[in-house]
């Protein structure tokens, strides 16, 4: 029988996966306010594929407007995997960017309340 720590961890991971599913659905609407609601005010989004680190809601908004709204990007969840203190998320992007389709990853660290506080994003 699993111990209480294992049950708590499993529950937290399932909750985080549900948040990621909701976040991707919000991302695909291109609604900036809805997208930002998933991030802490001081969130950091590090994306080496674009060579930038985005800080706080203003930075995360710039990232979203440039790479999701600007390219009419749609995101499809491929898989998730818990890794130490982060949730690894693999996705597929389609949109009006060169090639029109590419894979990507997000390694997400959550704050209390399952709000995203740090994301490392990259393309595959």
PDB file of N, CA and C in Angstrom:
ATOM      1  N   UNK A   1       0.847  -1.179   0.000  1.00  0.00           N
ATOM      2  CA  UNK A   1       0.000   0.000   0.000  1.00  0.00           C
ATOM      3  C   UNK A   1       0.893   1.243   0.000  1.00  0.00           C
ATOM      4  N   UNK A   2       0.595   2.246  -0.857  1.00  0.00           N
ATOM      5  CA  UNK A   2       1.443   3.431  -0.910  1.00  0.00           C
ATOM      6  C   UNK A   2       1.364   4.239   0.383  1.00  0.00           C
ATOM      7  N   UNK A   3       2.492   4.890   0.708  1.00  0.00           N
ATOM      8  CA  UNK A   3       2.536   5.752   1.882  1.00  0.00           C
ATOM      9  C   UNK A   3       1.895   7.089   1.587  1.00  0.00           C
ATOM     10  N   UNK A   4       1.657   7.877   2.633  1.00  0.00           N
ATOM     11  CA  UNK A   4       0.993   9.176   2.495  1.00  0.00           C
ATOM     12  C   UNK A   4       1.799  10.128   1.621  1.00  0.00           C
ATOM     13  N   UNK A   5       3.143  10.094   1.703  1.00  0.00           N
ATOM     14  CA  UNK A   5       3.966  10.972   0.861  1.00  0.00           C
ATOM     15  C   UNK A   5       3.798  10.633  -0.613  1.00  0.00           C
ATOM     16  N   UNK A   6       3.732   9.341  -0.925  1.00  0.00           N
ATOM     17  CA  UNK A   6       3.557   8.918  -2.308  1.00  0.00           C
ATOM     18  C   UNK A   6       2.183   9.341  -2.826  1.00  0.00           C
ATOM     19  N   UNK A   7       1.150   9.196  -2.008  1.00  0.00           N
ATOM     20  CA  UNK A   7      -0.201   9.595  -2.408  1.00  0.00           C
ATOM     21  C   UNK A   7      -0.252  11.103  -2.635  1.00  0.00           C
ATOM     22  N   UNK A   8       0.348  11.865  -1.710  1.00  0.00           N
ATOM     23  CA  UNK A   8       0.366  13.323  -1.836  1.00  0.00           C
ATOM     24  C   UNK A   8       1.099  13.741  -3.098  1.00  0.00           C
ATOM     25  N   UNK A   9       2.238  13.119  -3.371  1.00  0.00           N
ATOM     26  CA  UNK A   9       3.015  13.436  -4.575  1.00  0.00           C
ATOM     27  C   UNK A   9       2.226  13.097  -5.827  1.00  0.00           C
ATOM     28  N   UNK A  10       1.605  11.936  -5.857  1.00  0.00           N
ATOM     29  CA  UNK A  10       0.815  11.514  -7.012  1.00  0.00           C
ATOM     30  C   UNK A  10      -0.342  12.475  -7.247  1.00  0.00           C
ATOM     31  N   UNK A  11      -1.020  12.879  -6.185  1.00  0.00           N
ATOM     32  CA  UNK A  11      -2.127  13.823  -6.302  1.00  0.00           C
ATOM     33  C   UNK A  11      -1.629  15.151  -6.845  1.00  0.00           C
ATOM     34  N   UNK A  12      -0.511  15.645  -6.336  1.00  0.00           N
ATOM     35  CA  UNK A  12       0.047  16.918  -6.804  1.00  0.00           C
ATOM     36  C   UNK A  12       0.395  16.846  -8.284  1.00  0.00           C
ATOM     37  N   UNK A  13       1.000  15.753  -8.717  1.00  0.00           N
ATOM     38  CA  UNK A  13       1.364  15.599 -10.130  1.00  0.00           C
ATOM     39  C   UNK A  13       0.110  15.595 -10.992  1.00  0.00           C
ATOM     40  N   UNK A  14      -0.929  14.872 -10.583  1.00  0.00           N
ATOM     41  CA  UNK A  14      -2.176  14.842 -11.357  1.00  0.00           C
ATOM     42  C   UNK A  14      -2.793  16.238 -11.444  1.00  0.00           C
ATOM     43  N   UNK A  15      -2.729  16.990 -10.355  1.00  0.00           N
ATOM     44  CA  UNK A  15      -3.248  18.358 -10.362  1.00  0.00           C
ATOM     45  C   UNK A  15      -2.435  19.240 -11.299  1.00  0.00           C
ATOM     46  N   UNK A  16      -1.127  19.077 -11.300  1.00  0.00           N
ATOM     47  CA  UNK A  16      -0.274  19.870 -12.185  1.00  0.00           C
ATOM     48  C   UNK A  16      -0.528  19.523 -13.651  1.00  0.00           C
ATOM     49  N   UNK A  17      -0.712  18.263 -13.936  1.00  0.00           N
ATOM     50  CA  UNK A  17      -1.033  17.857 -15.314  1.00  0.00           C
ATOM     51  C   UNK A  17      -2.354  18.483 -15.749  1.00  0.00           C
ATOM     52  N   UNK A  18      -3.330  18.504 -14.871  1.00  0.00           N
ATOM     53  CA  UNK A  18      -4.623  19.136 -15.186  1.00  0.00           C
ATOM     54  C   UNK A  18      -4.434  20.631 -15.460  1.00  0.00           C
ATOM     55  N   UNK A  19      -3.584  21.292 -14.678  1.00  0.00           N
ATOM     56  CA  UNK A  19      -3.292  22.710 -14.907  1.00  0.00           C
ATOM     57  C   UNK A  19      -2.649  22.898 -16.281  1.00  0.00           C
ATOM     58  N   UNK A  20      -1.710  22.034 -16.632  1.00  0.00           N
ATOM     59  CA  UNK A  20      -1.044  22.127 -17.941  1.00  0.00           C
ATOM     60  C   UNK A  20      -2.065  21.950 -19.064  1.00  0.00           C
ATOM     61  N   UNK A  21      -2.976  21.016 -18.916  1.00  0.00           N
ATOM     62  CA  UNK A  21      -4.008  20.821 -19.939  1.00  0.00           C
ATOM     63  C   UNK A  21      -4.867  22.072 -20.092  1.00  0.00           C
ATOM     64  N   UNK A  22      -5.243  22.691 -18.965  1.00  0.00           N
ATOM     65  CA  UNK A  22      -6.035  23.928 -18.996  1.00  0.00           C
ATOM     66  C   UNK A  22      -5.218  25.074 -19.600  1.00  0.00           C
ATOM     67  N   UNK A  23      -3.932  25.141 -19.246  1.00  0.00           N
ATOM     68  CA  UNK A  23      -3.046  26.179 -19.765  1.00  0.00           C
ATOM     69  C   UNK A  23      -2.911  26.070 -21.283  1.00  0.00           C
ATOM     70  N   UNK A  24      -2.736  24.870 -21.792  1.00  0.00           N
ATOM     71  CA  UNK A  24      -2.625  24.690 -23.242  1.00  0.00           C
ATOM     72  C   UNK A  24      -3.934  25.086 -23.929  1.00  0.00           C
ATOM     73  N   UNK A  25      -5.054  24.722 -23.343  1.00  0.00           N
ATOM     74  CA  UNK A  25      -6.340  25.137 -23.914  1.00  0.00           C
ATOM     75  C   UNK A  25      -6.450  26.663 -23.939  1.00  0.00           C
ATOM     76  N   UNK A  26      -6.023  27.321 -22.864  1.00  0.00           N
ATOM     77  CA  UNK A  26      -6.039  28.781 -22.811  1.00  0.00           C
ATOM     78  C   UNK A  26      -5.073  29.371 -23.835  1.00  0.00           C
ATOM     79  N   UNK A  27      -3.909  28.753 -23.978  1.00  0.00           N
ATOM     80  CA  UNK A  27      -2.909  29.206 -24.943  1.00  0.00           C
ATOM     81  C   UNK A  27      -3.502  29.220 -26.350  1.00  0.00           C
ATOM     82  N   UNK A  28      -4.260  28.210 -26.676  1.00  0.00           N
ATOM     83  CA  UNK A  28      -4.815  28.080 -28.025  1.00  0.00           C
ATOM     84  C   UNK A  28      -5.935  29.076 -28.315  1.00  0.00           C
ATOM     85  N   UNK A  29      -6.453  29.755 -27.292  1.00  0.00           N
ATOM     86  CA  UNK A  29      -7.468  30.794 -27.522  1.00  0.00           C
ATOM     87  C   UNK A  29      -6.826  32.128 -27.874  1.00  0.00           C
ATOM     88  N   UNK A  30      -5.505  32.262 -27.574  1.00  0.00           N
ATOM     89  CA  UNK A  30      -4.750  33.508 -27.775  1.00  0.00           C
ATOM     90  C   UNK A  30      -5.292  34.655 -26.926  1.00  0.00           C
ATOM     91  N   UNK A  31      -5.902  34.329 -25.795  1.00  0.00           N
ATOM     92  CA  UNK A  31      -6.403  35.325 -24.844  1.00  0.00           C
ATOM     93  C   UNK A  31      -5.300  35.607 -23.827  1.00  0.00           C
ATOM     94  N   UNK A  32      -4.696  36.787 -23.897  1.00  0.00           N
ATOM     95  CA  UNK A  32      -3.548  37.123 -23.059  1.00  0.00           C
ATOM     96  C   UNK A  32      -3.873  37.060 -21.570  1.00  0.00           C
ATOM     97  N   UNK A  33      -4.981  37.630 -21.145  1.00  0.00           N
ATOM     98  CA  UNK A  33      -5.335  37.630 -19.718  1.00  0.00           C
ATOM     99  C   UNK A  33      -5.519  36.206 -19.202  1.00  0.00           C
ATOM    100  N   UNK A  34      -6.169  35.378 -19.979  1.00  0.00           N
ATOM    101  CA  UNK A  34      -6.380  33.983 -19.592  1.00  0.00           C
ATOM    102  C   UNK A  34      -5.040  33.259 -19.498  1.00  0.00           C
ATOM    103  N   UNK A  35      -4.131  33.510 -20.427  1.00  0.00           N
ATOM    104  CA  UNK A  35      -2.805  32.893 -20.429  1.00  0.00           C
ATOM    105  C   UNK A  35      -2.011  33.310 -19.192  1.00  0.00           C
ATOM    106  N   UNK A  36      -1.989  34.609 -18.901  1.00  0.00           N
ATOM    107  CA  UNK A  36      -1.196  35.119 -17.778  1.00  0.00           C
ATOM    108  C   UNK A  36      -1.707  34.630 -16.425  1.00  0.00           C
ATOM    109  N   UNK A  37      -2.975  34.273 -16.344  1.00  0.00           N
ATOM    110  CA  UNK A  37      -3.553  33.805 -15.076  1.00  0.00           C
ATOM    111  C   UNK A  37      -2.874  32.526 -14.575  1.00  0.00           C
ATOM    112  N   UNK A  38      -2.153  31.833 -15.425  1.00  0.00           N
ATOM    113  CA  UNK A  38      -1.477  30.597 -15.033  1.00  0.00           C
ATOM    114  C   UNK A  38      -0.084  30.837 -14.443  1.00  0.00           C
ATOM    115  N   UNK A  39       0.367  32.098 -14.418  1.00  0.00           N
ATOM    116  CA  UNK A  39       1.725  32.430 -13.981  1.00  0.00           C
ATOM    117  C   UNK A  39       1.713  33.299 -12.723  1.00  0.00           C
ATOM    118  N   UNK A  40       2.727  33.109 -11.875  1.00  0.00           N
ATOM    119  CA  UNK A  40       2.924  34.037 -10.760  1.00  0.00           C
ATOM    120  C   UNK A  40       3.322  35.391 -11.343  1.00  0.00           C
ATOM    121  N   UNK A  41       3.122  36.439 -10.565  1.00  0.00           N
ATOM    122  CA  UNK A  41       3.482  37.794 -11.011  1.00  0.00           C
ATOM    123  C   UNK A  41       4.966  37.906 -11.347  1.00  0.00           C
ATOM    124  N   UNK A  42       5.808  37.134 -10.632  1.00  0.00           N
ATOM    125  CA  UNK A  42       7.256  37.216 -10.827  1.00  0.00           C
ATOM    126  C   UNK A  42       7.805  36.008 -11.591  1.00  0.00           C
ATOM    127  N   UNK A  43       6.966  35.377 -12.381  1.00  0.00           N
ATOM    128  CA  UNK A  43       7.375  34.188 -13.136  1.00  0.00           C
ATOM    129  C   UNK A  43       8.558  34.486 -14.048  1.00  0.00           C
ATOM    130  N   UNK A  44       9.331  33.440 -14.311  1.00  0.00           N
ATOM    131  CA  UNK A  44      10.447  33.516 -15.246  1.00  0.00           C
ATOM    132  C   UNK A  44      10.218  32.465 -16.322  1.00  0.00           C
ATOM    133  N   UNK A  45      10.315  32.897 -17.581  1.00  0.00           N
ATOM    134  CA  UNK A  45      10.186  31.988 -18.710  1.00  0.00           C
ATOM    135  C   UNK A  45      11.489  32.086 -19.500  1.00  0.00           C
ATOM    136  N   UNK A  46      12.250  31.019 -19.474  1.00  0.00           N
ATOM    137  CA  UNK A  46      13.568  30.950 -20.115  1.00  0.00           C
ATOM    138  C   UNK A  46      13.432  30.111 -21.375  1.00  0.00           C
ATOM    139  N   UNK A  47      13.666  30.731 -22.526  1.00  0.00           N
ATOM    140  CA  UNK A  47      13.530  30.003 -23.793  1.00  0.00           C
ATOM    141  C   UNK A  47      14.787  30.185 -24.630  1.00  0.00           C
ATOM    142  N   UNK A  48      15.739  29.241 -24.506  1.00  0.00           N
ATOM    143  CA  UNK A  48      16.968  29.353 -25.282  1.00  0.00           C
ATOM    144  C   UNK A  48      16.749  29.292 -26.796  1.00  0.00           C
ATOM    145  N   UNK A  49      15.634  28.726 -27.247  1.00  0.00           N
ATOM    146  CA  UNK A  49      15.389  28.652 -28.692  1.00  0.00           C
ATOM    147  C   UNK A  49      15.188  30.038 -29.294  1.00  0.00           C
ATOM    148  N   UNK A  50      14.779  31.019 -28.483  1.00  0.00           N
ATOM    149  CA  UNK A  50      14.649  32.398 -28.962  1.00  0.00           C
ATOM    150  C   UNK A  50      15.727  33.287 -28.353  1.00  0.00           C
ATOM    151  N   UNK A  51      16.573  32.697 -27.494  1.00  0.00           N
ATOM    152  CA  UNK A  51      17.693  33.427 -26.920  1.00  0.00           C
ATOM    153  C   UNK A  51      17.319  34.466 -25.891  1.00  0.00           C
ATOM    154  N   UNK A  52      16.200  34.272 -25.191  1.00  0.00           N
ATOM    155  CA  UNK A  52      15.759  35.260 -24.219  1.00  0.00           C
ATOM    156  C   UNK A  52      15.212  34.617 -22.955  1.00  0.00           C
ATOM    157  N   UNK A  53      15.294  35.385 -21.873  1.00  0.00           N
ATOM    158  CA  UNK A  53      14.633  35.050 -20.619  1.00  0.00           C
ATOM    159  C   UNK A  53      13.615  36.155 -20.374  1.00  0.00           C
ATOM    160  N   UNK A  54      12.380  35.774 -20.112  1.00  0.00           N
ATOM    161  CA  UNK A  54      11.282  36.717 -19.930  1.00  0.00           C
ATOM    162  C   UNK A  54      10.898  36.748 -18.457  1.00  0.00           C
ATOM    163  N   UNK A  55      10.787  37.967 -17.892  1.00  0.00           N
ATOM    164  CA  UNK A  55      10.564  38.117 -16.460  1.00  0.00           C
ATOM    165  C   UNK A  55       9.206  38.757 -16.167  1.00  0.00           C
ATOM    166  N   UNK A  56       8.481  38.151 -15.210  1.00  0.00           N
ATOM    167  CA  UNK A  56       7.213  38.702 -14.751  1.00  0.00           C
ATOM    168  C   UNK A  56       6.140  38.670 -15.818  1.00  0.00           C
ATOM    169  N   UNK A  57       4.957  39.147 -15.445  1.00  0.00           N
ATOM    170  CA  UNK A  57       3.846  39.165 -16.398  1.00  0.00           C
ATOM    171  C   UNK A  57       4.168  39.970 -17.655  1.00  0.00           C
ATOM    172  N   UNK A  58       4.869  41.123 -17.547  1.00  0.00           N
ATOM    173  CA  UNK A  58       5.183  41.855 -18.782  1.00  0.00           C
ATOM    174  C   UNK A  58       6.050  41.032 -19.746  1.00  0.00           C
ATOM    175  N   UNK A  59       7.036  40.335 -19.227  1.00  0.00           N
ATOM    176  CA  UNK A  59       7.901  39.517 -20.073  1.00  0.00           C
ATOM    177  C   UNK A  59       7.179  38.318 -20.652  1.00  0.00           C
ATOM    178  N   UNK A  60       6.395  37.643 -19.820  1.00  0.00           N
ATOM    179  CA  UNK A  60       5.633  36.481 -20.284  1.00  0.00           C
ATOM    180  C   UNK A  60       4.617  36.917 -21.343  1.00  0.00           C
ATOM    181  N   UNK A  61       4.023  38.094 -21.158  1.00  0.00           N
ATOM    182  CA  UNK A  61       3.084  38.628 -22.153  1.00  0.00           C
ATOM    183  C   UNK A  61       3.794  38.877 -23.485  1.00  0.00           C
ATOM    184  N   UNK A  62       5.001  39.443 -23.418  1.00  0.00           N
ATOM    185  CA  UNK A  62       5.789  39.689 -24.638  1.00  0.00           C
ATOM    186  C   UNK A  62       6.059  38.372 -25.371  1.00  0.00           C
ATOM    187  N   UNK A  63       6.447  37.346 -24.632  1.00  0.00           N
ATOM    188  CA  UNK A  63       6.710  36.025 -25.202  1.00  0.00           C
ATOM    189  C   UNK A  63       5.453  35.483 -25.887  1.00  0.00           C
ATOM    190  N   UNK A  64       4.338  35.519 -25.193  1.00  0.00           N
ATOM    191  CA  UNK A  64       3.082  34.982 -25.719  1.00  0.00           C
ATOM    192  C   UNK A  64       2.636  35.746 -26.966  1.00  0.00           C
ATOM    193  N   UNK A  65       2.700  37.071 -26.903  1.00  0.00           N
ATOM    194  CA  UNK A  65       2.274  37.876 -28.042  1.00  0.00           C
ATOM    195  C   UNK A  65       3.172  37.635 -29.259  1.00  0.00           C
ATOM    196  N   UNK A  66       4.469  37.515 -29.026  1.00  0.00           N
ATOM    197  CA  UNK A  66       5.413  37.334 -30.138  1.00  0.00           C
ATOM    198  C   UNK A  66       5.330  35.962 -30.782  1.00  0.00           C
ATOM    199  N   UNK A  67       5.318  34.919 -29.959  1.00  0.00           N
ATOM    200  CA  UNK A  67       5.501  33.568 -30.496  1.00  0.00           C
ATOM    201  C   UNK A  67       4.226  32.732 -30.589  1.00  0.00           C
ATOM    202  N   UNK A  68       3.166  33.161 -29.941  1.00  0.00           N
ATOM    203  CA  UNK A  68       1.915  32.407 -30.019  1.00  0.00           C
ATOM    204  C   UNK A  68       0.861  33.189 -30.792  1.00  0.00           C
ATOM    205  N   UNK A  69       0.572  34.403 -30.359  1.00  0.00           N
ATOM    206  CA  UNK A  69      -0.398  35.216 -31.093  1.00  0.00           C
ATOM    207  C   UNK A  69       0.184  35.602 -32.451  1.00  0.00           C
ATOM    208  N   UNK A  70       1.441  36.071 -32.457  1.00  0.00           N
ATOM    209  CA  UNK A  70       2.080  36.548 -33.679  1.00  0.00           C
ATOM    210  C   UNK A  70       2.183  35.509 -34.786  1.00  0.00           C
ATOM    211  N   UNK A  71       2.329  34.244 -34.424  1.00  0.00           N
ATOM    212  CA  UNK A  71       2.432  33.166 -35.407  1.00  0.00           C
ATOM    213  C   UNK A  71       1.184  32.288 -35.466  1.00  0.00           C
ATOM    214  N   UNK A  72       0.111  32.727 -34.835  1.00  0.00           N
ATOM    215  CA  UNK A  72      -1.135  31.932 -34.786  1.00  0.00           C
ATOM    216  C   UNK A  72      -0.841  30.500 -34.355  1.00  0.00           C
ATOM    217  N   UNK A  73       0.032  30.360 -33.367  1.00  0.00           N
ATOM    218  CA  UNK A  73       0.474  29.046 -32.916  1.00  0.00           C
ATOM    219  C   UNK A  73      -0.630  28.309 -32.167  1.00  0.00           C
ATOM    220  N   UNK A  74      -0.763  27.051 -32.484  1.00  0.00           N
ATOM    221  CA  UNK A  74      -1.624  26.134 -31.752  1.00  0.00           C
ATOM    222  C   UNK A  74      -0.718  25.072 -31.124  1.00  0.00           C
ATOM    223  N   UNK A  75      -1.055  24.665 -29.926  1.00  0.00           N
ATOM    224  CA  UNK A  75      -0.228  23.735 -29.171  1.00  0.00           C
ATOM    225  C   UNK A  75      -1.022  22.481 -28.866  1.00  0.00           C
ATOM    226  N   UNK A  76      -0.383  21.332 -29.053  1.00  0.00           N
ATOM    227  CA  UNK A  76      -1.014  20.041 -28.740  1.00  0.00           C
ATOM    228  C   UNK A  76      -0.125  19.311 -27.743  1.00  0.00           C
ATOM    229  N   UNK A  77      -0.713  18.874 -26.666  1.00  0.00           N
ATOM    230  CA  UNK A  77       0.006  18.117 -25.642  1.00  0.00           C
ATOM    231  C   UNK A  77       0.330  16.726 -26.165  1.00  0.00           C
ATOM    232  N   UNK A  78       1.609  16.345 -26.045  1.00  0.00           N
ATOM    233  CA  UNK A  78       2.047  15.011 -26.451  1.00  0.00           C
ATOM    234  C   UNK A  78       2.165  14.117 -25.219  1.00  0.00           C
ATOM    235  N   UNK A  79       2.931  14.581 -24.204  1.00  0.00           N
ATOM    236  CA  UNK A  79       3.080  13.779 -22.983  1.00  0.00           C
ATOM    237  C   UNK A  79       3.613  14.639 -21.854  1.00  0.00           C
ATOM    238  N   UNK A  80       3.464  14.122 -20.645  1.00  0.00           N
ATOM    239  CA  UNK A  80       4.012  14.767 -19.452  1.00  0.00           C
ATOM    240  C   UNK A  80       4.804  13.730 -18.663  1.00  0.00           C
ATOM    241  N   UNK A  81       5.794  14.234 -17.912  1.00  0.00           N
ATOM    242  CA  UNK A  81       6.614  13.342 -17.093  1.00  0.00           C
ATOM    243  C   UNK A  81       7.126  14.118 -15.877  1.00  0.00           C
ATOM    244  N   UNK A  82       6.795  13.657 -14.675  1.00  0.00           N
ATOM    245  CA  UNK A  82       7.346  14.315 -13.484  1.00  0.00           C
ATOM    246  C   UNK A  82       8.857  14.114 -13.422  1.00  0.00           C
ATOM    247  N   UNK A  83       9.587  15.190 -13.103  1.00  0.00           N
ATOM    248  CA  UNK A  83      11.046  15.121 -12.970  1.00  0.00           C
ATOM    249  C   UNK A  83      11.447  15.963 -11.773  1.00  0.00           C
ATOM    250  N   UNK A  84      11.923  15.314 -10.734  1.00  0.00           N
ATOM    251  CA  UNK A  84      12.358  15.985  -9.508  1.00  0.00           C
ATOM    252  C   UNK A  84      11.347  17.043  -9.098  1.00  0.00           C
ATOM    253  N   UNK A  85      11.709  18.330  -9.184  1.00  0.00           N
ATOM    254  CA  UNK A  85      10.814  19.388  -8.729  1.00  0.00           C
ATOM    255  C   UNK A  85      10.104  20.091  -9.885  1.00  0.00           C
ATOM    256  N   UNK A  86      10.048  19.454 -11.049  1.00  0.00           N
ATOM    257  CA  UNK A  86       9.432  20.054 -12.232  1.00  0.00           C
ATOM    258  C   UNK A  86       8.555  19.032 -12.946  1.00  0.00           C
ATOM    259  N   UNK A  87       7.696  19.556 -13.786  1.00  0.00           N
ATOM    260  CA  UNK A  87       6.914  18.704 -14.670  1.00  0.00           C
ATOM    261  C   UNK A  87       7.432  18.938 -16.086  1.00  0.00           C
ATOM    262  N   UNK A  88       7.899  17.867 -16.718  1.00  0.00           N
ATOM    263  CA  UNK A  88       8.388  17.945 -18.099  1.00  0.00           C
ATOM    264  C   UNK A  88       7.185  17.735 -19.019  1.00  0.00           C
ATOM    265  N   UNK A  89       7.020  18.646 -19.968  1.00  0.00           N
ATOM    266  CA  UNK A  89       5.873  18.608 -20.879  1.00  0.00           C
ATOM    267  C   UNK A  89       6.397  18.641 -22.309  1.00  0.00           C
ATOM    268  N   UNK A  90       5.948  17.687 -23.099  1.00  0.00           N
ATOM    269  CA  UNK A  90       6.311  17.656 -24.514  1.00  0.00           C
ATOM    270  C   UNK A  90       5.074  18.006 -25.327  1.00  0.00           C
ATOM    271  N   UNK A  91       5.258  18.898 -26.304  1.00  0.00           N
ATOM    272  CA  UNK A  91       4.142  19.397 -27.107  1.00  0.00           C
ATOM    273  C   UNK A  91       4.503  19.409 -28.584  1.00  0.00           C
ATOM    274  N   UNK A  92       3.493  19.636 -29.399  1.00  0.00           N
ATOM    275  CA  UNK A  92       3.688  19.904 -30.816  1.00  0.00           C
ATOM    276  C   UNK A  92       3.068  21.269 -31.103  1.00  0.00           C
ATOM    277  N   UNK A  93       3.828  22.112 -31.806  1.00  0.00           N
ATOM    278  CA  UNK A  93       3.356  23.423 -32.213  1.00  0.00           C
ATOM    279  C   UNK A  93       3.064  23.410 -33.706  1.00  0.00           C
ATOM    280  N   UNK A  94       1.946  24.050 -34.087  1.00  0.00           N
ATOM    281  CA  UNK A  94       1.664  24.317 -35.497  1.00  0.00           C
ATOM    282  C   UNK A  94       1.315  25.795 -35.593  1.00  0.00           C
ATOM    283  N   UNK A  95       1.631  26.390 -36.746  1.00  0.00           N
ATOM    284  CA  UNK A  95       1.315  27.806 -36.907  1.00  0.00           C
ATOM    285  C   UNK A  95       1.941  28.397 -38.150  1.00  0.00           C
ATOM    286  N   UNK A  96       1.928  29.730 -38.201  1.00  0.00           N
ATOM    287  CA  UNK A  96       2.418  30.469 -39.355  1.00  0.00           C
ATOM    288  C   UNK A  96       3.894  30.828 -39.205  1.00  0.00           C
ATOM    289  N   UNK A  97       4.701  29.879 -38.801  1.00  0.00           N
ATOM    290  CA  UNK A  97       6.138  30.061 -38.670  1.00  0.00           C
ATOM    291  C   UNK A  97       6.824  29.154 -39.702  1.00  0.00           C
ATOM    292  N   UNK A  98       8.094  29.408 -40.002  1.00  0.00           N
ATOM    293  CA  UNK A  98       8.781  28.571 -40.999  1.00  0.00           C
ATOM    294  C   UNK A  98       8.665  27.075 -40.667  1.00  0.00           C
ATOM    295  N   UNK A  99       8.226  26.307 -41.640  1.00  0.00           N
ATOM    296  CA  UNK A  99       8.040  24.874 -41.449  1.00  0.00           C
ATOM    297  C   UNK A  99       6.639  24.508 -41.003  1.00  0.00           C
ATOM    298  N   UNK A 100       5.973  25.409 -40.284  1.00  0.00           N
ATOM    299  CA  UNK A 100       4.580  25.219 -39.890  1.00  0.00           C
ATOM    300  C   UNK A 100       4.306  24.204 -38.805  1.00  0.00           C
ATOM    301  N   UNK A 101       5.316  23.421 -38.397  1.00  0.00           N
ATOM    302  CA  UNK A 101       5.120  22.394 -37.372  1.00  0.00           C
ATOM    303  C   UNK A 101       6.467  22.097 -36.730  1.00  0.00           C
ATOM    304  N   UNK A 102       6.476  21.992 -35.393  1.00  0.00           N
ATOM    305  CA  UNK A 102       7.692  21.616 -34.686  1.00  0.00           C
ATOM    306  C   UNK A 102       7.331  21.099 -33.297  1.00  0.00           C
ATOM    307  N   UNK A 103       8.231  20.357 -32.718  1.00  0.00           N
ATOM    308  CA  UNK A 103       8.046  19.879 -31.360  1.00  0.00           C
ATOM    309  C   UNK A 103       8.650  20.856 -30.372  1.00  0.00           C
ATOM    310  N   UNK A 104       8.205  20.756 -29.143  1.00  0.00           N
ATOM    311  CA  UNK A 104       8.746  21.620 -28.105  1.00  0.00           C
ATOM    312  C   UNK A 104       8.614  20.985 -26.745  1.00  0.00           C
ATOM    313  N   UNK A 105       9.323  21.568 -25.792  1.00  0.00           N
ATOM    314  CA  UNK A 105       9.231  21.099 -24.407  1.00  0.00           C
ATOM    315  C   UNK A 105       9.091  22.289 -23.473  1.00  0.00           C
ATOM    316  N   UNK A 106       8.469  22.012 -22.345  1.00  0.00           N
ATOM    317  CA  UNK A 106       8.395  22.945 -21.232  1.00  0.00           C
ATOM    318  C   UNK A 106       8.773  22.161 -19.981  1.00  0.00           C
ATOM    319  N   UNK A 107       9.697  22.684 -19.215  1.00  0.00           N
ATOM    320  CA  UNK A 107       9.986  22.142 -17.885  1.00  0.00           C
ATOM    321  C   UNK A 107       9.462  23.169 -16.906  1.00  0.00           C
ATOM    322  N   UNK A 108       8.414  22.796 -16.177  1.00  0.00           N
ATOM    323  CA  UNK A 108       7.637  23.745 -15.387  1.00  0.00           C
ATOM    324  C   UNK A 108       7.810  23.497 -13.904  1.00  0.00           C
ATOM    325  N   UNK A 109       8.141  24.559 -13.170  1.00  0.00           N
ATOM    326  CA  UNK A 109       8.156  24.534 -11.709  1.00  0.00           C
ATOM    327  C   UNK A 109       6.942  25.326 -11.239  1.00  0.00           C
ATOM    328  N   UNK A 110       6.213  24.754 -10.316  1.00  0.00           N
ATOM    329  CA  UNK A 110       4.981  25.362  -9.830  1.00  0.00           C
ATOM    330  C   UNK A 110       5.177  25.995  -8.456  1.00  0.00           C
ATOM    331  N   UNK A 111       4.458  27.067  -8.214  1.00  0.00           N
ATOM    332  CA  UNK A 111       4.372  27.677  -6.889  1.00  0.00           C
ATOM    333  C   UNK A 111       3.134  27.105  -6.198  1.00  0.00           C
ATOM    334  N   UNK A 112       2.912  27.517  -4.960  1.00  0.00           N
ATOM    335  CA  UNK A 112       1.707  27.099  -4.233  1.00  0.00           C
ATOM    336  C   UNK A 112       0.475  27.439  -5.071  1.00  0.00           C
ATOM    337  N   UNK A 113      -0.507  26.576  -5.018  1.00  0.00           N
ATOM    338  CA  UNK A 113      -1.723  26.791  -5.789  1.00  0.00           C
ATOM    339  C   UNK A 113      -1.595  26.375  -7.242  1.00  0.00           C
ATOM    340  N   UNK A 114      -0.508  25.666  -7.571  1.00  0.00           N
ATOM    341  CA  UNK A 114      -0.270  25.165  -8.930  1.00  0.00           C
ATOM    342  C   UNK A 114      -0.257  26.273  -9.978  1.00  0.00           C
ATOM    343  N   UNK A 115       0.372  27.398  -9.595  1.00  0.00           N
ATOM    344  CA  UNK A 115       0.606  28.487 -10.535  1.00  0.00           C
ATOM    345  C   UNK A 115       2.055  28.367 -10.990  1.00  0.00           C
ATOM    346  N   UNK A 116       2.311  28.613 -12.257  1.00  0.00           N
ATOM    347  CA  UNK A 116       3.644  28.428 -12.803  1.00  0.00           C
ATOM    348  C   UNK A 116       4.561  29.565 -12.372  1.00  0.00           C
ATOM    349  N   UNK A 117       5.734  29.178 -11.821  1.00  0.00           N
ATOM    350  CA  UNK A 117       6.681  30.209 -11.381  1.00  0.00           C
ATOM    351  C   UNK A 117       7.948  30.227 -12.217  1.00  0.00           C
ATOM    352  N   UNK A 118       8.288  29.109 -12.835  1.00  0.00           N
ATOM    353  CA  UNK A 118       9.465  29.071 -13.701  1.00  0.00           C
ATOM    354  C   UNK A 118       9.235  28.045 -14.807  1.00  0.00           C
ATOM    355  N   UNK A 119       9.495  28.478 -16.035  1.00  0.00           N
ATOM    356  CA  UNK A 119       9.378  27.570 -17.178  1.00  0.00           C
ATOM    357  C   UNK A 119      10.644  27.695 -18.011  1.00  0.00           C
ATOM    358  N   UNK A 120      11.177  26.558 -18.344  1.00  0.00           N
ATOM    359  CA  UNK A 120      12.242  26.511 -19.364  1.00  0.00           C
ATOM    360  C   UNK A 120      11.597  25.885 -20.590  1.00  0.00           C
ATOM    361  N   UNK A 121      11.524  26.679 -21.643  1.00  0.00           N
ATOM    362  CA  UNK A 121      10.893  26.257 -22.887  1.00  0.00           C
ATOM    363  C   UNK A 121      11.978  26.025 -23.924  1.00  0.00           C
ATOM    364  N   UNK A 122      11.759  25.077 -24.824  1.00  0.00           N
ATOM    365  CA  UNK A 122      12.711  24.858 -25.893  1.00  0.00           C
ATOM    366  C   UNK A 122      12.013  24.156 -27.042  1.00  0.00           C
ATOM    367  N   UNK A 123      12.634  24.223 -28.190  1.00  0.00           N
ATOM    368  CA  UNK A 123      12.135  23.516 -29.369  1.00  0.00           C
ATOM    369  C   UNK A 123      12.913  22.231 -29.546  1.00  0.00           C
ATOM    370  N   UNK A 124      12.272  21.230 -30.107  1.00  0.00           N
ATOM    371  CA  UNK A 124      12.927  19.949 -30.377  1.00  0.00           C
ATOM    372  C   UNK A 124      13.516  19.956 -31.773  1.00  0.00           C
TER     373      UNK A 124
END
